[in-house]
Amino acid sequence: MSVALYMDEHVPRIITRALRQLDVDVLTTQEDGRARTRELVLLDRVQEVSRVVVTQDTDFHAIAAQRQQEYQTFAVIIFAPQNNSANGLYINDLTLIALADDTPRYASRVQFLPL
């Protein structure tokens, strides 16, 4: 079993397409009917569907910090800074994460890309 990813609407589609070509399980906010959903609500949704959120939205940092301060669990957040020249690195790193099969190790944390 692999780690299932959930792409925030800010992540370039080229990354999602490339991951799918590599057989990575990816769901986008648009496919889930959650486009323009507030980050707080979206993070709860990601946890509900047992996925790891991939985002380029810095608002997720504040939410993660708040939840950590309050000892609340949350879905793993993978933050990939906006940098079109790094898309290839992001695809490689996300593939490694997805195939790692160790979601529990990542619980309630933020992982920054590139690795």
PDB file of N, CA and C in Angstrom:
ATOM      1  N   MET A   1       0.843  -1.185   0.000  1.00  0.00           N
ATOM      2  CA  MET A   1       0.000   0.000   0.000  1.00  0.00           C
ATOM      3  C   MET A   1       0.883   1.242   0.000  1.00  0.00           C
ATOM      4  N   SER A   2       0.468   2.242  -0.736  1.00  0.00           N
ATOM      5  CA  SER A   2       1.259   3.466  -0.818  1.00  0.00           C
ATOM      6  C   SER A   2       0.562   4.609  -0.088  1.00  0.00           C
ATOM      7  N   VAL A   3       1.268   5.710   0.070  1.00  0.00           N
ATOM      8  CA  VAL A   3       0.711   6.905   0.689  1.00  0.00           C
ATOM      9  C   VAL A   3      -0.115   7.631  -0.375  1.00  0.00           C
ATOM     10  N   ALA A   4      -1.379   7.899  -0.065  1.00  0.00           N
ATOM     11  CA  ALA A   4      -2.273   8.580  -0.996  1.00  0.00           C
ATOM     12  C   ALA A   4      -2.141  10.089  -0.823  1.00  0.00           C
ATOM     13  N   LEU A   5      -2.008  10.802  -1.929  1.00  0.00           N
ATOM     14  CA  LEU A   5      -1.808  12.246  -1.899  1.00  0.00           C
ATOM     15  C   LEU A   5      -3.096  12.995  -2.241  1.00  0.00           C
ATOM     16  N   TYR A   6      -3.197  14.189  -1.706  1.00  0.00           N
ATOM     17  CA  TYR A   6      -4.340  15.069  -1.960  1.00  0.00           C
ATOM     18  C   TYR A   6      -3.765  16.420  -2.374  1.00  0.00           C
ATOM     19  N   MET A   7      -3.964  16.785  -3.629  1.00  0.00           N
ATOM     20  CA  MET A   7      -3.386  18.004  -4.172  1.00  0.00           C
ATOM     21  C   MET A   7      -4.276  19.212  -3.935  1.00  0.00           C
ATOM     22  N   ASP A   8      -3.731  20.187  -3.231  1.00  0.00           N
ATOM     23  CA  ASP A   8      -4.394  21.469  -3.064  1.00  0.00           C
ATOM     24  C   ASP A   8      -4.501  22.129  -4.443  1.00  0.00           C
ATOM     25  N   GLU A   9      -5.466  23.006  -4.599  1.00  0.00           N
ATOM     26  CA  GLU A   9      -5.702  23.605  -5.912  1.00  0.00           C
ATOM     27  C   GLU A   9      -4.557  24.476  -6.408  1.00  0.00           C
ATOM     28  N   HIS A  10      -3.616  24.839  -5.546  1.00  0.00           N
ATOM     29  CA  HIS A  10      -2.491  25.679  -5.965  1.00  0.00           C
ATOM     30  C   HIS A  10      -1.350  24.893  -6.606  1.00  0.00           C
ATOM     31  N   VAL A  11      -1.369  23.581  -6.485  1.00  0.00           N
ATOM     32  CA  VAL A  11      -0.290  22.759  -7.030  1.00  0.00           C
ATOM     33  C   VAL A  11      -0.481  22.647  -8.553  1.00  0.00           C
ATOM     34  N   PRO A  12       0.570  22.904  -9.324  1.00  0.00           N
ATOM     35  CA  PRO A  12       0.452  22.830 -10.785  1.00  0.00           C
ATOM     36  C   PRO A  12      -0.015  21.450 -11.266  1.00  0.00           C
ATOM     37  N   ARG A  13      -0.895  21.466 -12.236  1.00  0.00           N
ATOM     38  CA  ARG A  13      -1.441  20.210 -12.777  1.00  0.00           C
ATOM     39  C   ARG A  13      -0.377  19.310 -13.373  1.00  0.00           C
ATOM     40  N   ILE A  14       0.709  19.915 -13.844  1.00  0.00           N
ATOM     41  CA  ILE A  14       1.777  19.109 -14.429  1.00  0.00           C
ATOM     42  C   ILE A  14       2.339  18.125 -13.402  1.00  0.00           C
ATOM     43  N   ILE A  15       2.379  18.524 -12.139  1.00  0.00           N
ATOM     44  CA  ILE A  15       2.866  17.644 -11.073  1.00  0.00           C
ATOM     45  C   ILE A  15       1.887  16.489 -10.869  1.00  0.00           C
ATOM     46  N   THR A  16       0.608  16.803 -10.812  1.00  0.00           N
ATOM     47  CA  THR A  16      -0.408  15.760 -10.638  1.00  0.00           C
ATOM     48  C   THR A  16      -0.363  14.773 -11.793  1.00  0.00           C
ATOM     49  N   ARG A  17      -0.300  15.268 -13.013  1.00  0.00           N
ATOM     50  CA  ARG A  17      -0.271  14.381 -14.190  1.00  0.00           C
ATOM     51  C   ARG A  17       0.958  13.468 -14.162  1.00  0.00           C
ATOM     52  N   ALA A  18       2.111  14.026 -13.843  1.00  0.00           N
ATOM     53  CA  ALA A  18       3.342  13.236 -13.807  1.00  0.00           C
ATOM     54  C   ALA A  18       3.264  12.148 -12.737  1.00  0.00           C
ATOM     55  N   LEU A  19       2.735  12.489 -11.567  1.00  0.00           N
ATOM     56  CA  LEU A  19       2.612  11.496 -10.495  1.00  0.00           C
ATOM     57  C   LEU A  19       1.680  10.363 -10.900  1.00  0.00           C
ATOM     58  N   ARG A  20       0.591  10.703 -11.546  1.00  0.00           N
ATOM     59  CA  ARG A  20      -0.345   9.664 -11.997  1.00  0.00           C
ATOM     60  C   ARG A  20       0.292   8.754 -13.032  1.00  0.00           C
ATOM     61  N   GLN A  21       1.129   9.299 -13.890  1.00  0.00           N
ATOM     62  CA  GLN A  21       1.833   8.471 -14.863  1.00  0.00           C
ATOM     63  C   GLN A  21       2.785   7.503 -14.170  1.00  0.00           C
ATOM     64  N   LEU A  22       3.195   7.855 -12.948  1.00  0.00           N
ATOM     65  CA  LEU A  22       4.069   6.982 -12.152  1.00  0.00           C
ATOM     66  C   LEU A  22       3.272   6.110 -11.189  1.00  0.00           C
ATOM     67  N   ASP A  23       1.957   6.026 -11.408  1.00  0.00           N
ATOM     68  CA  ASP A  23       1.041   5.207 -10.617  1.00  0.00           C
ATOM     69  C   ASP A  23       0.933   5.631  -9.157  1.00  0.00           C
ATOM     70  N   VAL A  24       1.084   6.924  -8.889  1.00  0.00           N
ATOM     71  CA  VAL A  24       0.887   7.453  -7.543  1.00  0.00           C
ATOM     72  C   VAL A  24      -0.597   7.791  -7.395  1.00  0.00           C
ATOM     73  N   ASP A  25      -1.176   7.426  -6.262  1.00  0.00           N
ATOM     74  CA  ASP A  25      -2.587   7.680  -5.964  1.00  0.00           C
ATOM     75  C   ASP A  25      -2.751   9.154  -5.607  1.00  0.00           C
ATOM     76  N   VAL A  26      -3.398   9.923  -6.491  1.00  0.00           N
ATOM     77  CA  VAL A  26      -3.562  11.365  -6.306  1.00  0.00           C
ATOM     78  C   VAL A  26      -5.027  11.735  -6.479  1.00  0.00           C
ATOM     79  N   LEU A  27      -5.518  12.556  -5.549  1.00  0.00           N
ATOM     80  CA  LEU A  27      -6.851  13.149  -5.630  1.00  0.00           C
ATOM     81  C   LEU A  27      -6.663  14.655  -5.540  1.00  0.00           C
ATOM     82  N   THR A  28      -7.362  15.410  -6.383  1.00  0.00           N
ATOM     83  CA  THR A  28      -7.237  16.864  -6.331  1.00  0.00           C
ATOM     84  C   THR A  28      -8.462  17.470  -5.648  1.00  0.00           C
ATOM     85  N   THR A  29      -8.298  18.691  -5.165  1.00  0.00           N
ATOM     86  CA  THR A  29      -9.432  19.379  -4.539  1.00  0.00           C
ATOM     87  C   THR A  29     -10.579  19.530  -5.531  1.00  0.00           C
ATOM     88  N   GLN A  30     -10.253  19.779  -6.777  1.00  0.00           N
ATOM     89  CA  GLN A  30     -11.289  19.936  -7.785  1.00  0.00           C
ATOM     90  C   GLN A  30     -12.068  18.637  -7.981  1.00  0.00           C
ATOM     91  N   GLU A  31     -11.369  17.512  -8.066  1.00  0.00           N
ATOM     92  CA  GLU A  31     -12.029  16.211  -8.238  1.00  0.00           C
ATOM     93  C   GLU A  31     -12.883  15.852  -7.031  1.00  0.00           C
ATOM     94  N   ASP A  32     -12.481  16.333  -5.872  1.00  0.00           N
ATOM     95  CA  ASP A  32     -13.205  16.057  -4.630  1.00  0.00           C
ATOM     96  C   ASP A  32     -14.330  17.072  -4.393  1.00  0.00           C
ATOM     97  N   GLY A  33     -14.526  17.990  -5.333  1.00  0.00           N
ATOM     98  CA  GLY A  33     -15.567  18.998  -5.184  1.00  0.00           C
ATOM     99  C   GLY A  33     -15.272  20.006  -4.092  1.00  0.00           C
ATOM    100  N   ARG A  34     -13.980  20.246  -3.804  1.00  0.00           N
ATOM    101  CA  ARG A  34     -13.579  21.133  -2.705  1.00  0.00           C
ATOM    102  C   ARG A  34     -12.812  22.366  -3.178  1.00  0.00           C
ATOM    103  N   ALA A  35     -12.922  22.721  -4.448  1.00  0.00           N
ATOM    104  CA  ALA A  35     -12.237  23.921  -4.934  1.00  0.00           C
ATOM    105  C   ALA A  35     -12.706  25.134  -4.132  1.00  0.00           C
ATOM    106  N   ARG A  36     -11.784  26.000  -3.814  1.00  0.00           N
ATOM    107  CA  ARG A  36     -12.028  27.229  -3.045  1.00  0.00           C
ATOM    108  C   ARG A  36     -12.502  26.972  -1.616  1.00  0.00           C
ATOM    109  N   THR A  37     -12.216  25.788  -1.103  1.00  0.00           N
ATOM    110  CA  THR A  37     -12.547  25.462   0.278  1.00  0.00           C
ATOM    111  C   THR A  37     -11.493  26.072   1.197  1.00  0.00           C
ATOM    112  N   ARG A  38     -11.921  26.621   2.319  1.00  0.00           N
ATOM    113  CA  ARG A  38     -10.985  27.192   3.291  1.00  0.00           C
ATOM    114  C   ARG A  38      -9.984  26.127   3.741  1.00  0.00           C
ATOM    115  N   GLU A  39      -8.769  26.556   4.000  1.00  0.00           N
ATOM    116  CA  GLU A  39      -7.691  25.628   4.351  1.00  0.00           C
ATOM    117  C   GLU A  39      -8.016  24.791   5.579  1.00  0.00           C
ATOM    118  N   LEU A  40      -8.609  25.389   6.589  1.00  0.00           N
ATOM    119  CA  LEU A  40      -8.944  24.674   7.815  1.00  0.00           C
ATOM    120  C   LEU A  40      -9.905  23.524   7.536  1.00  0.00           C
ATOM    121  N   VAL A  41     -10.901  23.789   6.732  1.00  0.00           N
ATOM    122  CA  VAL A  41     -11.887  22.773   6.356  1.00  0.00           C
ATOM    123  C   VAL A  41     -11.236  21.718   5.469  1.00  0.00           C
ATOM    124  N   LEU A  42     -10.390  22.168   4.558  1.00  0.00           N
ATOM    125  CA  LEU A  42      -9.721  21.250   3.644  1.00  0.00           C
ATOM    126  C   LEU A  42      -8.791  20.296   4.391  1.00  0.00           C
ATOM    127  N   LEU A  43      -8.077  20.796   5.377  1.00  0.00           N
ATOM    128  CA  LEU A  43      -7.176  19.939   6.141  1.00  0.00           C
ATOM    129  C   LEU A  43      -7.953  18.858   6.885  1.00  0.00           C
ATOM    130  N   ASP A  44      -9.118  19.196   7.410  1.00  0.00           N
ATOM    131  CA  ASP A  44      -9.967  18.185   8.050  1.00  0.00           C
ATOM    132  C   ASP A  44     -10.451  17.160   7.028  1.00  0.00           C
ATOM    133  N   ARG A  45     -10.788  17.631   5.838  1.00  0.00           N
ATOM    134  CA  ARG A  45     -11.249  16.727   4.780  1.00  0.00           C
ATOM    135  C   ARG A  45     -10.145  15.753   4.393  1.00  0.00           C
ATOM    136  N   VAL A  46      -8.934  16.238   4.272  1.00  0.00           N
ATOM    137  CA  VAL A  46      -7.806  15.385   3.901  1.00  0.00           C
ATOM    138  C   VAL A  46      -7.607  14.287   4.942  1.00  0.00           C
ATOM    139  N   GLN A  47      -7.718  14.643   6.196  1.00  0.00           N
ATOM    140  CA  GLN A  47      -7.583  13.639   7.260  1.00  0.00           C
ATOM    141  C   GLN A  47      -8.739  12.636   7.185  1.00  0.00           C
ATOM    142  N   GLU A  48      -9.930  13.127   6.891  1.00  0.00           N
ATOM    143  CA  GLU A  48     -11.115  12.275   6.777  1.00  0.00           C
ATOM    144  C   GLU A  48     -10.954  11.210   5.694  1.00  0.00           C
ATOM    145  N   VAL A  49     -10.305  11.564   4.586  1.00  0.00           N
ATOM    146  CA  VAL A  49     -10.129  10.617   3.483  1.00  0.00           C
ATOM    147  C   VAL A  49      -8.764   9.916   3.533  1.00  0.00           C
ATOM    148  N   SER A  50      -8.063  10.061   4.658  1.00  0.00           N
ATOM    149  CA  SER A  50      -6.790   9.365   4.917  1.00  0.00           C
ATOM    150  C   SER A  50      -5.745   9.615   3.836  1.00  0.00           C
ATOM    151  N   ARG A  51      -5.528  10.880   3.562  1.00  0.00           N
ATOM    152  CA  ARG A  51      -4.534  11.261   2.570  1.00  0.00           C
ATOM    153  C   ARG A  51      -3.547  12.259   3.167  1.00  0.00           C
ATOM    154  N   VAL A  52      -2.526  12.564   2.405  1.00  0.00           N
ATOM    155  CA  VAL A  52      -1.510  13.544   2.763  1.00  0.00           C
ATOM    156  C   VAL A  52      -1.694  14.722   1.812  1.00  0.00           C
ATOM    157  N   VAL A  53      -1.841  15.931   2.351  1.00  0.00           N
ATOM    158  CA  VAL A  53      -2.070  17.086   1.494  1.00  0.00           C
ATOM    159  C   VAL A  53      -0.752  17.650   0.969  1.00  0.00           C
ATOM    160  N   VAL A  54      -0.742  17.943  -0.322  1.00  0.00           N
ATOM    161  CA  VAL A  54       0.394  18.600  -0.964  1.00  0.00           C
ATOM    162  C   VAL A  54      -0.078  19.998  -1.317  1.00  0.00           C
ATOM    163  N   THR A  55       0.664  21.002  -0.875  1.00  0.00           N
ATOM    164  CA  THR A  55       0.228  22.382  -1.072  1.00  0.00           C
ATOM    165  C   THR A  55       1.387  23.309  -1.337  1.00  0.00           C
ATOM    166  N   GLN A  56       1.048  24.456  -1.904  1.00  0.00           N
ATOM    167  CA  GLN A  56       1.991  25.557  -2.050  1.00  0.00           C
ATOM    168  C   GLN A  56       1.440  26.785  -1.343  1.00  0.00           C
ATOM    169  N   ASP A  57       0.432  26.585  -0.523  1.00  0.00           N
ATOM    170  CA  ASP A  57      -0.269  27.652   0.193  1.00  0.00           C
ATOM    171  C   ASP A  57       0.291  27.774   1.611  1.00  0.00           C
ATOM    172  N   THR A  58       0.907  28.902   1.913  1.00  0.00           N
ATOM    173  CA  THR A  58       1.545  29.090   3.217  1.00  0.00           C
ATOM    174  C   THR A  58       0.549  29.164   4.374  1.00  0.00           C
ATOM    175  N   ASP A  59      -0.734  29.370   4.091  1.00  0.00           N
ATOM    176  CA  ASP A  59      -1.727  29.405   5.169  1.00  0.00           C
ATOM    177  C   ASP A  59      -1.773  28.088   5.946  1.00  0.00           C
ATOM    178  N   PHE A  60      -1.381  27.004   5.306  1.00  0.00           N
ATOM    179  CA  PHE A  60      -1.379  25.715   5.991  1.00  0.00           C
ATOM    180  C   PHE A  60      -0.364  25.693   7.138  1.00  0.00           C
ATOM    181  N   HIS A  61       0.699  26.491   7.041  1.00  0.00           N
ATOM    182  CA  HIS A  61       1.698  26.561   8.125  1.00  0.00           C
ATOM    183  C   HIS A  61       1.067  27.045   9.420  1.00  0.00           C
ATOM    184  N   ALA A  62       0.288  28.094   9.329  1.00  0.00           N
ATOM    185  CA  ALA A  62      -0.352  28.664  10.519  1.00  0.00           C
ATOM    186  C   ALA A  62      -1.327  27.665  11.137  1.00  0.00           C
ATOM    187  N   ILE A  63      -2.058  26.971  10.301  1.00  0.00           N
ATOM    188  CA  ILE A  63      -3.015  25.976  10.803  1.00  0.00           C
ATOM    189  C   ILE A  63      -2.265  24.851  11.510  1.00  0.00           C
ATOM    190  N   ALA A  64      -1.194  24.370  10.907  1.00  0.00           N
ATOM    191  CA  ALA A  64      -0.411  23.289  11.517  1.00  0.00           C
ATOM    192  C   ALA A  64       0.172  23.737  12.853  1.00  0.00           C
ATOM    193  N   ALA A  65       0.716  24.943  12.896  1.00  0.00           N
ATOM    194  CA  ALA A  65       1.298  25.451  14.141  1.00  0.00           C
ATOM    195  C   ALA A  65       0.243  25.559  15.236  1.00  0.00           C
ATOM    196  N   GLN A  66      -0.921  26.056  14.877  1.00  0.00           N
ATOM    197  CA  GLN A  66      -2.014  26.178  15.849  1.00  0.00           C
ATOM    198  C   GLN A  66      -2.431  24.806  16.377  1.00  0.00           C
ATOM    199  N   ARG A  67      -2.579  23.852  15.472  1.00  0.00           N
ATOM    200  CA  ARG A  67      -2.999  22.511  15.901  1.00  0.00           C
ATOM    201  C   ARG A  67      -1.925  21.837  16.747  1.00  0.00           C
ATOM    202  N   GLN A  68      -0.673  22.038  16.407  1.00  0.00           N
ATOM    203  CA  GLN A  68       0.397  21.462  17.221  1.00  0.00           C
ATOM    204  C   GLN A  68       0.391  22.080  18.613  1.00  0.00           C
ATOM    205  N   GLN A  69       0.172  23.373  18.694  1.00  0.00           N
ATOM    206  CA  GLN A  69       0.123  24.067  19.977  1.00  0.00           C
ATOM    207  C   GLN A  69      -1.020  23.545  20.840  1.00  0.00           C
ATOM    208  N   GLU A  70      -2.111  23.180  20.207  1.00  0.00           N
ATOM    209  CA  GLU A  70      -3.292  22.685  20.919  1.00  0.00           C
ATOM    210  C   GLU A  70      -3.312  21.159  21.034  1.00  0.00           C
ATOM    211  N   TYR A  71      -2.223  20.512  20.633  1.00  0.00           N
ATOM    212  CA  TYR A  71      -2.092  19.045  20.687  1.00  0.00           C
ATOM    213  C   TYR A  71      -3.210  18.348  19.918  1.00  0.00           C
ATOM    214  N   GLN A  72      -3.578  18.908  18.792  1.00  0.00           N
ATOM    215  CA  GLN A  72      -4.589  18.314  17.919  1.00  0.00           C
ATOM    216  C   GLN A  72      -3.893  17.627  16.756  1.00  0.00           C
ATOM    217  N   THR A  73      -4.435  16.512  16.350  1.00  0.00           N
ATOM    218  CA  THR A  73      -3.874  15.823  15.189  1.00  0.00           C
ATOM    219  C   THR A  73      -4.375  16.496  13.915  1.00  0.00           C
ATOM    220  N   PHE A  74      -3.623  16.321  12.864  1.00  0.00           N
ATOM    221  CA  PHE A  74      -4.024  16.830  11.560  1.00  0.00           C
ATOM    222  C   PHE A  74      -3.348  15.999  10.483  1.00  0.00           C
ATOM    223  N   ALA A  75      -3.905  16.105   9.282  1.00  0.00           N
ATOM    224  CA  ALA A  75      -3.317  15.388   8.152  1.00  0.00           C
ATOM    225  C   ALA A  75      -1.920  15.929   7.885  1.00  0.00           C
ATOM    226  N   VAL A  76      -1.083  15.087   7.407  1.00  0.00           N
ATOM    227  CA  VAL A  76       0.264  15.495   7.046  1.00  0.00           C
ATOM    228  C   VAL A  76       0.184  16.563   5.959  1.00  0.00           C
ATOM    229  N   ILE A  77       1.013  17.564   6.072  1.00  0.00           N
ATOM    230  CA  ILE A  77       1.097  18.631   5.076  1.00  0.00           C
ATOM    231  C   ILE A  77       2.472  18.548   4.425  1.00  0.00           C
ATOM    232  N   ILE A  78       2.479  18.424   3.111  1.00  0.00           N
ATOM    233  CA  ILE A  78       3.729  18.503   2.359  1.00  0.00           C
ATOM    234  C   ILE A  78       3.719  19.846   1.654  1.00  0.00           C
ATOM    235  N   PHE A  79       4.680  20.683   1.999  1.00  0.00           N
ATOM    236  CA  PHE A  79       4.747  22.023   1.442  1.00  0.00           C
ATOM    237  C   PHE A  79       5.832  22.093   0.379  1.00  0.00           C
ATOM    238  N   ALA A  80       5.415  22.479  -0.821  1.00  0.00           N
ATOM    239  CA  ALA A  80       6.333  22.630  -1.942  1.00  0.00           C
ATOM    240  C   ALA A  80       6.317  24.096  -2.364  1.00  0.00           C
ATOM    241  N   PRO A  81       7.323  24.874  -2.002  1.00  0.00           N
ATOM    242  CA  PRO A  81       7.320  26.295  -2.360  1.00  0.00           C
ATOM    243  C   PRO A  81       7.102  26.502  -3.857  1.00  0.00           C
ATOM    244  N   GLN A  82       6.409  27.576  -4.208  1.00  0.00           N
ATOM    245  CA  GLN A  82       6.156  27.854  -5.616  1.00  0.00           C
ATOM    246  C   GLN A  82       7.473  28.142  -6.318  1.00  0.00           C
ATOM    247  N   ASN A  83       7.795  27.255  -7.252  1.00  0.00           N
ATOM    248  CA  ASN A  83       9.040  27.357  -8.005  1.00  0.00           C
ATOM    249  C   ASN A  83       8.918  26.418  -9.199  1.00  0.00           C
ATOM    250  N   ASN A  84       8.505  26.950 -10.331  1.00  0.00           N
ATOM    251  CA  ASN A  84       8.282  26.107 -11.510  1.00  0.00           C
ATOM    252  C   ASN A  84       9.520  25.350 -11.945  1.00  0.00           C
ATOM    253  N   SER A  85      10.691  25.886 -11.686  1.00  0.00           N
ATOM    254  CA  SER A  85      11.907  25.180 -12.080  1.00  0.00           C
ATOM    255  C   SER A  85      12.183  23.976 -11.175  1.00  0.00           C
ATOM    256  N   ALA A  86      11.447  23.864 -10.056  1.00  0.00           N
ATOM    257  CA  ALA A  86      11.651  22.743  -9.129  1.00  0.00           C
ATOM    258  C   ALA A  86      10.605  21.642  -9.310  1.00  0.00           C
ATOM    259  N   ASN A  87       9.711  21.769 -10.277  1.00  0.00           N
ATOM    260  CA  ASN A  87       8.656  20.770 -10.450  1.00  0.00           C
ATOM    261  C   ASN A  87       9.204  19.356 -10.581  1.00  0.00           C
ATOM    262  N   GLY A  88      10.303  19.192 -11.310  1.00  0.00           N
ATOM    263  CA  GLY A  88      10.910  17.868 -11.463  1.00  0.00           C
ATOM    264  C   GLY A  88      11.362  17.299 -10.129  1.00  0.00           C
ATOM    265  N   LEU A  89      11.969  18.136  -9.295  1.00  0.00           N
ATOM    266  CA  LEU A  89      12.375  17.705  -7.951  1.00  0.00           C
ATOM    267  C   LEU A  89      11.161  17.309  -7.121  1.00  0.00           C
ATOM    268  N   TYR A  90      10.109  18.122  -7.195  1.00  0.00           N
ATOM    269  CA  TYR A  90       8.901  17.842  -6.435  1.00  0.00           C
ATOM    270  C   TYR A  90       8.287  16.513  -6.858  1.00  0.00           C
ATOM    271  N   ILE A  91       8.266  16.254  -8.147  1.00  0.00           N
ATOM    272  CA  ILE A  91       7.710  14.984  -8.645  1.00  0.00           C
ATOM    273  C   ILE A  91       8.517  13.814  -8.107  1.00  0.00           C
ATOM    274  N   ASN A  92       9.833  13.921  -8.159  1.00  0.00           N
ATOM    275  CA  ASN A  92      10.681  12.841  -7.633  1.00  0.00           C
ATOM    276  C   ASN A  92      10.461  12.637  -6.141  1.00  0.00           C
ATOM    277  N   ASP A  93      10.456  13.724  -5.380  1.00  0.00           N
ATOM    278  CA  ASP A  93      10.289  13.628  -3.929  1.00  0.00           C
ATOM    279  C   ASP A  93       8.909  13.092  -3.554  1.00  0.00           C
ATOM    280  N   LEU A  94       7.891  13.564  -4.236  1.00  0.00           N
ATOM    281  CA  LEU A  94       6.531  13.092  -3.930  1.00  0.00           C
ATOM    282  C   LEU A  94       6.361  11.625  -4.284  1.00  0.00           C
ATOM    283  N   THR A  95       7.023  11.185  -5.330  1.00  0.00           N
ATOM    284  CA  THR A  95       6.983   9.761  -5.679  1.00  0.00           C
ATOM    285  C   THR A  95       7.633   8.932  -4.576  1.00  0.00           C
ATOM    286  N   LEU A  96       8.770   9.394  -4.081  1.00  0.00           N
ATOM    287  CA  LEU A  96       9.441   8.679  -2.985  1.00  0.00           C
ATOM    288  C   LEU A  96       8.556   8.613  -1.743  1.00  0.00           C
ATOM    289  N   ILE A  97       7.936   9.723  -1.404  1.00  0.00           N
ATOM    290  CA  ILE A  97       7.051   9.764  -0.236  1.00  0.00           C
ATOM    291  C   ILE A  97       5.863   8.837  -0.434  1.00  0.00           C
ATOM    292  N   ALA A  98       5.255   8.901  -1.607  1.00  0.00           N
ATOM    293  CA  ALA A  98       4.059   8.096  -1.878  1.00  0.00           C
ATOM    294  C   ALA A  98       4.362   6.608  -1.822  1.00  0.00           C
ATOM    295  N   LEU A  99       5.529   6.227  -2.267  1.00  0.00           N
ATOM    296  CA  LEU A  99       5.883   4.807  -2.295  1.00  0.00           C
ATOM    297  C   LEU A  99       6.496   4.317  -0.987  1.00  0.00           C
ATOM    298  N   ALA A 100       6.706   5.227  -0.033  1.00  0.00           N
ATOM    299  CA  ALA A 100       7.353   4.876   1.235  1.00  0.00           C
ATOM    300  C   ALA A 100       6.481   4.006   2.129  1.00  0.00           C
ATOM    301  N   ASP A 101       5.169   4.124   2.016  1.00  0.00           N
ATOM    302  CA  ASP A 101       4.238   3.311   2.790  1.00  0.00           C
ATOM    303  C   ASP A 101       4.446   3.440   4.298  1.00  0.00           C
ATOM    304  N   ASP A 102       4.612   4.668   4.775  1.00  0.00           N
ATOM    305  CA  ASP A 102       4.772   4.846   6.215  1.00  0.00           C
ATOM    306  C   ASP A 102       4.044   6.097   6.700  1.00  0.00           C
ATOM    307  N   THR A 103       2.803   6.248   6.298  1.00  0.00           N
ATOM    308  CA  THR A 103       2.006   7.404   6.692  1.00  0.00           C
ATOM    309  C   THR A 103       2.008   7.658   8.198  1.00  0.00           C
ATOM    310  N   PRO A 104       1.896   6.633   9.062  1.00  0.00           N
ATOM    311  CA  PRO A 104       1.873   6.919  10.501  1.00  0.00           C
ATOM    312  C   PRO A 104       3.096   7.701  10.978  1.00  0.00           C
ATOM    313  N   ARG A 105       4.231   7.478  10.391  1.00  0.00           N
ATOM    314  CA  ARG A 105       5.455   8.186  10.768  1.00  0.00           C
ATOM    315  C   ARG A 105       5.329   9.682  10.479  1.00  0.00           C
ATOM    316  N   TYR A 106       4.477  10.018   9.539  1.00  0.00           N
ATOM    317  CA  TYR A 106       4.320  11.408   9.135  1.00  0.00           C
ATOM    318  C   TYR A 106       3.191  12.130   9.860  1.00  0.00           C
ATOM    319  N   ALA A 107       2.440  11.479  10.723  1.00  0.00           N
ATOM    320  CA  ALA A 107       1.242  12.067  11.321  1.00  0.00           C
ATOM    321  C   ALA A 107       1.506  13.417  11.972  1.00  0.00           C
ATOM    322  N   SER A 108       0.583  14.355  11.755  1.00  0.00           N
ATOM    323  CA  SER A 108       0.583  15.687  12.380  1.00  0.00           C
ATOM    324  C   SER A 108       1.903  16.429  12.223  1.00  0.00           C
ATOM    325  N   ARG A 109       2.373  16.502  11.009  1.00  0.00           N
ATOM    326  CA  ARG A 109       3.619  17.229  10.772  1.00  0.00           C
ATOM    327  C   ARG A 109       3.611  17.884   9.408  1.00  0.00           C
ATOM    328  N   VAL A 110       4.559  18.753   9.205  1.00  0.00           N
ATOM    329  CA  VAL A 110       4.742  19.421   7.925  1.00  0.00           C
ATOM    330  C   VAL A 110       6.079  18.966   7.354  1.00  0.00           C
ATOM    331  N   GLN A 111       6.048  18.515   6.105  1.00  0.00           N
ATOM    332  CA  GLN A 111       7.263  18.109   5.406  1.00  0.00           C
ATOM    333  C   GLN A 111       7.522  19.114   4.293  1.00  0.00           C
ATOM    334  N   PHE A 112       8.710  19.637   4.222  1.00  0.00           N
ATOM    335  CA  PHE A 112       9.043  20.625   3.198  1.00  0.00           C
ATOM    336  C   PHE A 112       9.768  19.973   2.046  1.00  0.00           C
ATOM    337  N   LEU A 113       9.446  20.399   0.837  1.00  0.00           N
ATOM    338  CA  LEU A 113      10.152  19.954  -0.355  1.00  0.00           C
ATOM    339  C   LEU A 113      11.034  21.095  -0.858  1.00  0.00           C
ATOM    340  N   PRO A 114      12.117  20.784  -1.542  1.00  0.00           N
ATOM    341  CA  PRO A 114      12.598  19.449  -1.813  1.00  0.00           C
ATOM    342  C   PRO A 114      13.172  18.788  -0.563  1.00  0.00           C
ATOM    343  N   LEU A 115      13.189  17.453  -0.603  1.00  0.00           N
ATOM    344  CA  LEU A 115      13.694  16.688   0.543  1.00  0.00           C
ATOM    345  C   LEU A 115      15.160  16.953   0.758  1.00  0.00           C
TER     346      LEU A 115
END
